[in-house]
Amino acid sequence: GSASDYLTLALQEGITCTNEVRGTGLSIVETLVHNGEGILVIRSQTARIEIAQGGQVRRRDNLAYFPGTQVFINLWGRPEKWIWESLLPAS
């Protein structure tokens, strides 16, 4: 797949780069951003994905090489949702 496909895949719960621990970090971040009515942008190597309100995903591939990974989060929020725990789904 494309580089942006791999970034999108990294948002799924249970995806990790190690064999020891199953990842949940980016999956939780995506949930926080979705529930906070925000935007999540991940830029890594030659790809960029942006997940906007409503779950709309914009992908860009073949960008100039960028070493490492940047994660940008913007929470517009709802006035009644300023407590972080309220942004997470019930367990």
PDB file of N, CA and C in Angstrom:
ATOM      1  N   GLY A   1       0.811  -1.188   0.000  1.00  0.00           N
ATOM      2  CA  GLY A   1       0.000   0.000   0.000  1.00  0.00           C
ATOM      3  C   GLY A   1       0.857   1.255   0.000  1.00  0.00           C
ATOM      4  N   SER A   2       0.202   2.363  -0.013  1.00  0.00           N
ATOM      5  CA  SER A   2       0.895   3.650   0.003  1.00  0.00           C
ATOM      6  C   SER A   2       1.338   3.989   1.428  1.00  0.00           C
ATOM      7  N   ALA A   3       2.214   4.980   1.529  1.00  0.00           N
ATOM      8  CA  ALA A   3       2.707   5.401   2.844  1.00  0.00           C
ATOM      9  C   ALA A   3       1.567   5.908   3.719  1.00  0.00           C
ATOM     10  N   SER A   4       0.581   6.600   3.128  1.00  0.00           N
ATOM     11  CA  SER A   4      -0.552   7.090   3.920  1.00  0.00           C
ATOM     12  C   SER A   4      -1.437   5.935   4.399  1.00  0.00           C
ATOM     13  N   ASP A   5      -1.471   4.825   3.654  1.00  0.00           N
ATOM     14  CA  ASP A   5      -2.206   3.636   4.110  1.00  0.00           C
ATOM     15  C   ASP A   5      -1.614   3.120   5.421  1.00  0.00           C
ATOM     16  N   TYR A   6      -0.289   3.140   5.520  1.00  0.00           N
ATOM     17  CA  TYR A   6       0.364   2.669   6.740  1.00  0.00           C
ATOM     18  C   TYR A   6       0.092   3.595   7.918  1.00  0.00           C
ATOM     19  N   LEU A   7       0.029   4.902   7.662  1.00  0.00           N
ATOM     20  CA  LEU A   7      -0.313   5.831   8.735  1.00  0.00           C
ATOM     21  C   LEU A   7      -1.731   5.588   9.225  1.00  0.00           C
ATOM     22  N   THR A   8      -2.654   5.355   8.303  1.00  0.00           N
ATOM     23  CA  THR A   8      -4.038   5.062   8.668  1.00  0.00           C
ATOM     24  C   THR A   8      -4.124   3.758   9.456  1.00  0.00           C
ATOM     25  N   LEU A   9      -3.373   2.766   9.040  1.00  0.00           N
ATOM     26  CA  LEU A   9      -3.352   1.482   9.740  1.00  0.00           C
ATOM     27  C   LEU A   9      -2.859   1.642  11.182  1.00  0.00           C
ATOM     28  N   ALA A  10      -1.920   2.553  11.407  1.00  0.00           N
ATOM     29  CA  ALA A  10      -1.365   2.765  12.750  1.00  0.00           C
ATOM     30  C   ALA A  10      -2.407   3.281  13.735  1.00  0.00           C
ATOM     31  N   LEU A  11      -3.528   3.781  13.255  1.00  0.00           N
ATOM     32  CA  LEU A  11      -4.586   4.289  14.128  1.00  0.00           C
ATOM     33  C   LEU A  11      -5.472   3.184  14.691  1.00  0.00           C
ATOM     34  N   GLN A  12      -5.356   1.989  14.162  1.00  0.00           N
ATOM     35  CA  GLN A  12      -6.183   0.886  14.640  1.00  0.00           C
ATOM     36  C   GLN A  12      -5.652   0.347  15.957  1.00  0.00           C
ATOM     37  N   GLU A  13      -6.555   0.052  16.863  1.00  0.00           N
ATOM     38  CA  GLU A  13      -6.158  -0.514  18.152  1.00  0.00           C
ATOM     39  C   GLU A  13      -5.505  -1.874  17.932  1.00  0.00           C
ATOM     40  N   GLY A  14      -4.425  -2.126  18.631  1.00  0.00           N
ATOM     41  CA  GLY A  14      -3.733  -3.402  18.532  1.00  0.00           C
ATOM     42  C   GLY A  14      -2.573  -3.393  17.558  1.00  0.00           C
ATOM     43  N   ILE A  15      -2.401  -2.311  16.805  1.00  0.00           N
ATOM     44  CA  ILE A  15      -1.288  -2.211  15.869  1.00  0.00           C
ATOM     45  C   ILE A  15      -0.088  -1.641  16.610  1.00  0.00           C
ATOM     46  N   THR A  16       1.052  -2.284  16.470  1.00  0.00           N
ATOM     47  CA  THR A  16       2.264  -1.839  17.149  1.00  0.00           C
ATOM     48  C   THR A  16       3.483  -2.210  16.314  1.00  0.00           C
ATOM     49  N   CYS A  17       4.608  -1.599  16.649  1.00  0.00           N
ATOM     50  CA  CYS A  17       5.842  -1.920  15.921  1.00  0.00           C
ATOM     51  C   CYS A  17       6.688  -2.936  16.689  1.00  0.00           C
ATOM     52  N   THR A  18       6.188  -3.409  17.828  1.00  0.00           N
ATOM     53  CA  THR A  18       6.921  -4.418  18.596  1.00  0.00           C
ATOM     54  C   THR A  18       6.072  -5.669  18.729  1.00  0.00           C
ATOM     55  N   ASN A  19       6.691  -6.750  19.136  1.00  0.00           N
ATOM     56  CA  ASN A  19       5.965  -7.999  19.345  1.00  0.00           C
ATOM     57  C   ASN A  19       5.491  -8.161  20.780  1.00  0.00           C
ATOM     58  N   GLU A  20       5.934  -7.293  21.679  1.00  0.00           N
ATOM     59  CA  GLU A  20       5.669  -7.479  23.109  1.00  0.00           C
ATOM     60  C   GLU A  20       4.374  -6.845  23.588  1.00  0.00           C
ATOM     61  N   VAL A  21       4.053  -5.656  23.129  1.00  0.00           N
ATOM     62  CA  VAL A  21       2.900  -4.908  23.626  1.00  0.00           C
ATOM     63  C   VAL A  21       2.008  -4.541  22.455  1.00  0.00           C
ATOM     64  N   ARG A  22       0.713  -4.691  22.631  1.00  0.00           N
ATOM     65  CA  ARG A  22      -0.232  -4.312  21.579  1.00  0.00           C
ATOM     66  C   ARG A  22      -0.535  -2.824  21.714  1.00  0.00           C
ATOM     67  N   GLY A  23      -0.408  -2.076  20.650  1.00  0.00           N
ATOM     68  CA  GLY A  23      -0.566  -0.627  20.684  1.00  0.00           C
ATOM     69  C   GLY A  23      -1.998  -0.169  20.860  1.00  0.00           C
ATOM     70  N   THR A  24      -2.165   0.892  21.620  1.00  0.00           N
ATOM     71  CA  THR A  24      -3.461   1.549  21.759  1.00  0.00           C
ATOM     72  C   THR A  24      -3.317   3.058  21.692  1.00  0.00           C
ATOM     73  N   GLY A  25      -2.105   3.570  21.717  1.00  0.00           N
ATOM     74  CA  GLY A  25      -1.851   5.001  21.818  1.00  0.00           C
ATOM     75  C   GLY A  25      -2.537   5.842  20.771  1.00  0.00           C
ATOM     76  N   LEU A  26      -2.264   5.604  19.493  1.00  0.00           N
ATOM     77  CA  LEU A  26      -2.864   6.423  18.450  1.00  0.00           C
ATOM     78  C   LEU A  26      -4.358   6.175  18.312  1.00  0.00           C
ATOM     79  N   SER A  27      -4.797   4.983  18.644  1.00  0.00           N
ATOM     80  CA  SER A  27      -6.226   4.697  18.621  1.00  0.00           C
ATOM     81  C   SER A  27      -6.951   5.561  19.653  1.00  0.00           C
ATOM     82  N   ILE A  28      -6.375   5.693  20.839  1.00  0.00           N
ATOM     83  CA  ILE A  28      -6.972   6.536  21.885  1.00  0.00           C
ATOM     84  C   ILE A  28      -6.913   8.004  21.474  1.00  0.00           C
ATOM     85  N   VAL A  29      -5.795   8.425  20.885  1.00  0.00           N
ATOM     86  CA  VAL A  29      -5.666   9.807  20.420  1.00  0.00           C
ATOM     87  C   VAL A  29      -6.751  10.113  19.396  1.00  0.00           C
ATOM     88  N   GLU A  30      -6.973   9.202  18.458  1.00  0.00           N
ATOM     89  CA  GLU A  30      -8.018   9.423  17.452  1.00  0.00           C
ATOM     90  C   GLU A  30      -9.392   9.548  18.108  1.00  0.00           C
ATOM     91  N   THR A  31      -9.668   8.720  19.121  1.00  0.00           N
ATOM     92  CA  THR A  31     -10.943   8.795  19.838  1.00  0.00           C
ATOM     93  C   THR A  31     -11.098  10.140  20.539  1.00  0.00           C
ATOM     94  N   LEU A  32     -10.031  10.604  21.199  1.00  0.00           N
ATOM     95  CA  LEU A  32     -10.075  11.907  21.870  1.00  0.00           C
ATOM     96  C   LEU A  32     -10.364  13.026  20.872  1.00  0.00           C
ATOM     97  N   VAL A  33      -9.686  12.984  19.744  1.00  0.00           N
ATOM     98  CA  VAL A  33      -9.866  14.022  18.726  1.00  0.00           C
ATOM     99  C   VAL A  33     -11.281  13.973  18.160  1.00  0.00           C
ATOM    100  N   HIS A  34     -11.779  12.768  17.886  1.00  0.00           N
ATOM    101  CA  HIS A  34     -13.141  12.626  17.351  1.00  0.00           C
ATOM    102  C   HIS A  34     -14.164  13.161  18.356  1.00  0.00           C
ATOM    103  N   ASN A  35     -14.066  12.724  19.615  1.00  0.00           N
ATOM    104  CA  ASN A  35     -15.025  13.142  20.633  1.00  0.00           C
ATOM    105  C   ASN A  35     -14.886  14.614  21.000  1.00  0.00           C
ATOM    106  N   GLY A  36     -13.695  15.168  20.822  1.00  0.00           N
ATOM    107  CA  GLY A  36     -13.471  16.582  21.094  1.00  0.00           C
ATOM    108  C   GLY A  36     -13.716  17.468  19.889  1.00  0.00           C
ATOM    109  N   GLU A  37     -14.257  16.861  18.818  1.00  0.00           N
ATOM    110  CA  GLU A  37     -14.577  17.582  17.587  1.00  0.00           C
ATOM    111  C   GLU A  37     -13.360  18.325  17.051  1.00  0.00           C
ATOM    112  N   GLY A  38     -12.220  17.634  17.014  1.00  0.00           N
ATOM    113  CA  GLY A  38     -10.980  18.253  16.590  1.00  0.00           C
ATOM    114  C   GLY A  38     -10.438  17.704  15.292  1.00  0.00           C
ATOM    115  N   ILE A  39      -9.132  17.930  15.112  1.00  0.00           N
ATOM    116  CA  ILE A  39      -8.413  17.498  13.916  1.00  0.00           C
ATOM    117  C   ILE A  39      -7.143  16.795  14.351  1.00  0.00           C
ATOM    118  N   LEU A  40      -6.818  15.698  13.690  1.00  0.00           N
ATOM    119  CA  LEU A  40      -5.583  14.954  13.937  1.00  0.00           C
ATOM    120  C   LEU A  40      -4.808  14.903  12.630  1.00  0.00           C
ATOM    121  N   VAL A  41      -3.551  15.355  12.672  1.00  0.00           N
ATOM    122  CA  VAL A  41      -2.684  15.298  11.501  1.00  0.00           C
ATOM    123  C   VAL A  41      -1.438  14.512  11.877  1.00  0.00           C
ATOM    124  N   ILE A  42      -1.092  13.522  11.062  1.00  0.00           N
ATOM    125  CA  ILE A  42       0.129  12.743  11.268  1.00  0.00           C
ATOM    126  C   ILE A  42       0.954  12.864   9.997  1.00  0.00           C
ATOM    127  N   ARG A  43       2.208  13.271  10.159  1.00  0.00           N
ATOM    128  CA  ARG A  43       3.140  13.438   9.038  1.00  0.00           C
ATOM    129  C   ARG A  43       4.348  12.581   9.324  1.00  0.00           C
ATOM    130  N   SER A  44       4.654  11.666   8.429  1.00  0.00           N
ATOM    131  CA  SER A  44       5.794  10.776   8.610  1.00  0.00           C
ATOM    132  C   SER A  44       6.404  10.437   7.261  1.00  0.00           C
ATOM    133  N   GLN A  45       7.696  10.591   7.172  1.00  0.00           N
ATOM    134  CA  GLN A  45       8.462  10.301   5.965  1.00  0.00           C
ATOM    135  C   GLN A  45       7.866  11.011   4.753  1.00  0.00           C
ATOM    136  N   THR A  46       7.201  10.323   3.840  1.00  0.00           N
ATOM    137  CA  THR A  46       6.695  10.968   2.626  1.00  0.00           C
ATOM    138  C   THR A  46       5.170  11.056   2.587  1.00  0.00           C
ATOM    139  N   ALA A  47       4.519  10.860   3.741  1.00  0.00           N
ATOM    140  CA  ALA A  47       3.055  10.840   3.761  1.00  0.00           C
ATOM    141  C   ALA A  47       2.499  11.741   4.860  1.00  0.00           C
ATOM    142  N   ARG A  48       1.233  12.083   4.660  1.00  0.00           N
ATOM    143  CA  ARG A  48       0.516  12.899   5.644  1.00  0.00           C
ATOM    144  C   ARG A  48      -0.941  12.473   5.608  1.00  0.00           C
ATOM    145  N   ILE A  49      -1.548  12.302   6.787  1.00  0.00           N
ATOM    146  CA  ILE A  49      -2.992  12.084   6.847  1.00  0.00           C
ATOM    147  C   ILE A  49      -3.580  13.122   7.788  1.00  0.00           C
ATOM    148  N   GLU A  50      -4.780  13.519   7.479  1.00  0.00           N
ATOM    149  CA  GLU A  50      -5.520  14.457   8.325  1.00  0.00           C
ATOM    150  C   GLU A  50      -6.902  13.879   8.537  1.00  0.00           C
ATOM    151  N   ILE A  51      -7.281  13.753   9.804  1.00  0.00           N
ATOM    152  CA  ILE A  51      -8.619  13.266  10.135  1.00  0.00           C
ATOM    153  C   ILE A  51      -9.369  14.432  10.755  1.00  0.00           C
ATOM    154  N   ALA A  52     -10.407  14.873  10.065  1.00  0.00           N
ATOM    155  CA  ALA A  52     -11.168  16.042  10.486  1.00  0.00           C
ATOM    156  C   ALA A  52     -12.468  15.614  11.160  1.00  0.00           C
ATOM    157  N   GLN A  53     -13.222  16.607  11.584  1.00  0.00           N
ATOM    158  CA  GLN A  53     -14.511  16.343  12.221  1.00  0.00           C
ATOM    159  C   GLN A  53     -15.363  15.468  11.316  1.00  0.00           C
ATOM    160  N   GLY A  54     -16.092  14.574  11.916  1.00  0.00           N
ATOM    161  CA  GLY A  54     -16.936  13.674  11.145  1.00  0.00           C
ATOM    162  C   GLY A  54     -16.191  12.484  10.564  1.00  0.00           C
ATOM    163  N   GLY A  55     -14.894  12.369  10.879  1.00  0.00           N
ATOM    164  CA  GLY A  55     -14.124  11.223  10.422  1.00  0.00           C
ATOM    165  C   GLY A  55     -13.604  11.334   8.993  1.00  0.00           C
ATOM    166  N   GLN A  56     -13.749  12.501   8.374  1.00  0.00           N
ATOM    167  CA  GLN A  56     -13.240  12.688   7.014  1.00  0.00           C
ATOM    168  C   GLN A  56     -11.714  12.572   7.022  1.00  0.00           C
ATOM    169  N   VAL A  57     -11.172  11.714   6.152  1.00  0.00           N
ATOM    170  CA  VAL A  57      -9.730  11.474   6.083  1.00  0.00           C
ATOM    171  C   VAL A  57      -9.180  12.042   4.787  1.00  0.00           C
ATOM    172  N   ARG A  58      -8.149  12.871   4.913  1.00  0.00           N
ATOM    173  CA  ARG A  58      -7.435  13.389   3.732  1.00  0.00           C
ATOM    174  C   ARG A  58      -6.036  12.798   3.747  1.00  0.00           C
ATOM    175  N   ARG A  59      -5.620  12.241   2.630  1.00  0.00           N
ATOM    176  CA  ARG A  59      -4.304  11.592   2.524  1.00  0.00           C
ATOM    177  C   ARG A  59      -3.451  12.321   1.495  1.00  0.00           C
ATOM    178  N   ARG A  60      -2.173  12.398   1.800  1.00  0.00           N
ATOM    179  CA  ARG A  60      -1.208  12.952   0.840  1.00  0.00           C
ATOM    180  C   ARG A  60      -0.008  12.017   0.816  1.00  0.00           C
ATOM    181  N   ASP A  61       0.431  11.647  -0.349  1.00  0.00           N
ATOM    182  CA  ASP A  61       1.605  10.798  -0.528  1.00  0.00           C
ATOM    183  C   ASP A  61       2.613  11.516  -1.415  1.00  0.00           C
ATOM    184  N   ASN A  62       3.806  10.964  -1.450  1.00  0.00           N
ATOM    185  CA  ASN A  62       4.882  11.471  -2.296  1.00  0.00           C
ATOM    186  C   ASN A  62       5.279  12.908  -1.963  1.00  0.00           C
ATOM    187  N   LEU A  63       5.228  13.240  -0.677  1.00  0.00           N
ATOM    188  CA  LEU A  63       5.688  14.543  -0.215  1.00  0.00           C
ATOM    189  C   LEU A  63       7.204  14.508  -0.063  1.00  0.00           C
ATOM    190  N   ALA A  64       7.811  15.641   0.167  1.00  0.00           N
ATOM    191  CA  ALA A  64       9.247  15.685   0.444  1.00  0.00           C
ATOM    192  C   ALA A  64       9.526  14.858   1.695  1.00  0.00           C
ATOM    193  N   TYR A  65      10.632  14.144   1.702  1.00  0.00           N
ATOM    194  CA  TYR A  65      10.970  13.262   2.814  1.00  0.00           C
ATOM    195  C   TYR A  65      11.109  14.058   4.103  1.00  0.00           C
ATOM    196  N   PHE A  66      10.500  13.554   5.163  1.00  0.00           N
ATOM    197  CA  PHE A  66      10.570  14.149   6.488  1.00  0.00           C
ATOM    198  C   PHE A  66      11.004  13.054   7.459  1.00  0.00           C
ATOM    199  N   PRO A  67      12.160  13.197   8.099  1.00  0.00           N
ATOM    200  CA  PRO A  67      12.596  12.155   9.035  1.00  0.00           C
ATOM    201  C   PRO A  67      11.759  12.187  10.313  1.00  0.00           C
ATOM    202  N   GLY A  68      11.418  11.023  10.820  1.00  0.00           N
ATOM    203  CA  GLY A  68      10.636  10.955  12.050  1.00  0.00           C
ATOM    204  C   GLY A  68       9.151  11.120  11.782  1.00  0.00           C
ATOM    205  N   THR A  69       8.414  11.397  12.856  1.00  0.00           N
ATOM    206  CA  THR A  69       6.961  11.521  12.764  1.00  0.00           C
ATOM    207  C   THR A  69       6.497  12.724  13.567  1.00  0.00           C
ATOM    208  N   GLN A  70       5.594  13.497  12.999  1.00  0.00           N
ATOM    209  CA  GLN A  70       4.956  14.608  13.689  1.00  0.00           C
ATOM    210  C   GLN A  70       3.491  14.260  13.889  1.00  0.00           C
ATOM    211  N   VAL A  71       2.971  14.580  15.064  1.00  0.00           N
ATOM    212  CA  VAL A  71       1.546  14.411  15.336  1.00  0.00           C
ATOM    213  C   VAL A  71       1.019  15.764  15.795  1.00  0.00           C
ATOM    214  N   PHE A  72       0.007  16.264  15.104  1.00  0.00           N
ATOM    215  CA  PHE A  72      -0.602  17.544  15.431  1.00  0.00           C
ATOM    216  C   PHE A  72      -2.043  17.280  15.834  1.00  0.00           C
ATOM    217  N   ILE A  73      -2.433  17.806  16.984  1.00  0.00           N
ATOM    218  CA  ILE A  73      -3.789  17.614  17.499  1.00  0.00           C
ATOM    219  C   ILE A  73      -4.397  18.982  17.778  1.00  0.00           C
ATOM    220  N   ASN A  74      -5.602  19.184  17.298  1.00  0.00           N
ATOM    221  CA  ASN A  74      -6.331  20.407  17.586  1.00  0.00           C
ATOM    222  C   ASN A  74      -7.713  19.999  18.061  1.00  0.00           C
ATOM    223  N   LEU A  75      -8.024  20.288  19.321  1.00  0.00           N
ATOM    224  CA  LEU A  75      -9.336  19.968  19.879  1.00  0.00           C
ATOM    225  C   LEU A  75     -10.162  21.240  19.936  1.00  0.00           C
ATOM    226  N   TRP A  76     -11.209  21.293  19.138  1.00  0.00           N
ATOM    227  CA  TRP A  76     -12.097  22.451  19.189  1.00  0.00           C
ATOM    228  C   TRP A  76     -12.902  22.379  20.467  1.00  0.00           C
ATOM    229  N   GLY A  77     -13.292  21.176  20.802  1.00  0.00           N
ATOM    230  CA  GLY A  77     -13.965  20.913  22.066  1.00  0.00           C
ATOM    231  C   GLY A  77     -15.409  21.362  22.105  1.00  0.00           C
ATOM    232  N   ARG A  78     -16.040  20.857  23.107  1.00  0.00           N
ATOM    233  CA  ARG A  78     -17.394  21.263  23.438  1.00  0.00           C
ATOM    234  C   ARG A  78     -17.323  21.766  24.868  1.00  0.00           C
ATOM    235  N   PRO A  79     -18.007  22.845  25.194  1.00  0.00           N
ATOM    236  CA  PRO A  79     -17.877  23.430  26.536  1.00  0.00           C
ATOM    237  C   PRO A  79     -18.110  22.433  27.669  1.00  0.00           C
ATOM    238  N   GLU A  80     -19.021  21.479  27.463  1.00  0.00           N
ATOM    239  CA  GLU A  80     -19.315  20.516  28.528  1.00  0.00           C
ATOM    240  C   GLU A  80     -18.295  19.379  28.585  1.00  0.00           C
ATOM    241  N   LYS A  81     -17.302  19.359  27.692  1.00  0.00           N
ATOM    242  CA  LYS A  81     -16.372  18.234  27.595  1.00  0.00           C
ATOM    243  C   LYS A  81     -14.946  18.598  27.988  1.00  0.00           C
ATOM    244  N   TRP A  82     -14.746  19.513  28.898  1.00  0.00           N
ATOM    245  CA  TRP A  82     -13.382  19.917  29.244  1.00  0.00           C
ATOM    246  C   TRP A  82     -12.675  18.902  30.120  1.00  0.00           C
ATOM    247  N   ILE A  83     -13.375  17.950  30.685  1.00  0.00           N
ATOM    248  CA  ILE A  83     -12.727  16.892  31.471  1.00  0.00           C
ATOM    249  C   ILE A  83     -12.303  15.806  30.505  1.00  0.00           C
ATOM    250  N   TRP A  84     -10.980  15.481  30.470  1.00  0.00           N
ATOM    251  CA  TRP A  84     -10.452  14.530  29.492  1.00  0.00           C
ATOM    252  C   TRP A  84     -11.158  13.198  29.530  1.00  0.00           C
ATOM    253  N   GLU A  85     -11.492  12.712  30.713  1.00  0.00           N
ATOM    254  CA  GLU A  85     -12.123  11.405  30.813  1.00  0.00           C
ATOM    255  C   GLU A  85     -13.447  11.375  30.061  1.00  0.00           C
ATOM    256  N   SER A  86     -14.107  12.486  29.965  1.00  0.00           N
ATOM    257  CA  SER A  86     -15.407  12.506  29.277  1.00  0.00           C
ATOM    258  C   SER A  86     -15.235  12.356  27.765  1.00  0.00           C
ATOM    259  N   LEU A  87     -14.022  12.561  27.246  1.00  0.00           N
ATOM    260  CA  LEU A  87     -13.779  12.393  25.817  1.00  0.00           C
ATOM    261  C   LEU A  87     -13.519  10.950  25.447  1.00  0.00           C
ATOM    262  N   LEU A  88     -13.148  10.125  26.436  1.00  0.00           N
ATOM    263  CA  LEU A  88     -12.847   8.728  26.182  1.00  0.00           C
ATOM    264  C   LEU A  88     -14.124   7.901  26.208  1.00  0.00           C
ATOM    265  N   PRO A  89     -14.179   6.827  25.434  1.00  0.00           N
ATOM    266  CA  PRO A  89     -15.364   5.971  25.465  1.00  0.00           C
ATOM    267  C   PRO A  89     -15.449   5.246  26.802  1.00  0.00           C
ATOM    268  N   ALA A  90     -16.666   4.899  27.203  1.00  0.00           N
ATOM    269  CA  ALA A  90     -16.854   4.153  28.440  1.00  0.00           C
ATOM    270  C   ALA A  90     -16.215   2.775  28.307  1.00  0.00           C
ATOM    271  N   SER A  91     -15.533   2.325  29.359  1.00  0.00           N
ATOM    272  CA  SER A  91     -14.868   1.008  29.302  1.00  0.00           C
ATOM    273  C   SER A  91     -15.817  -0.075  29.701  1.00  0.00           C
TER     274      SER A  91
END
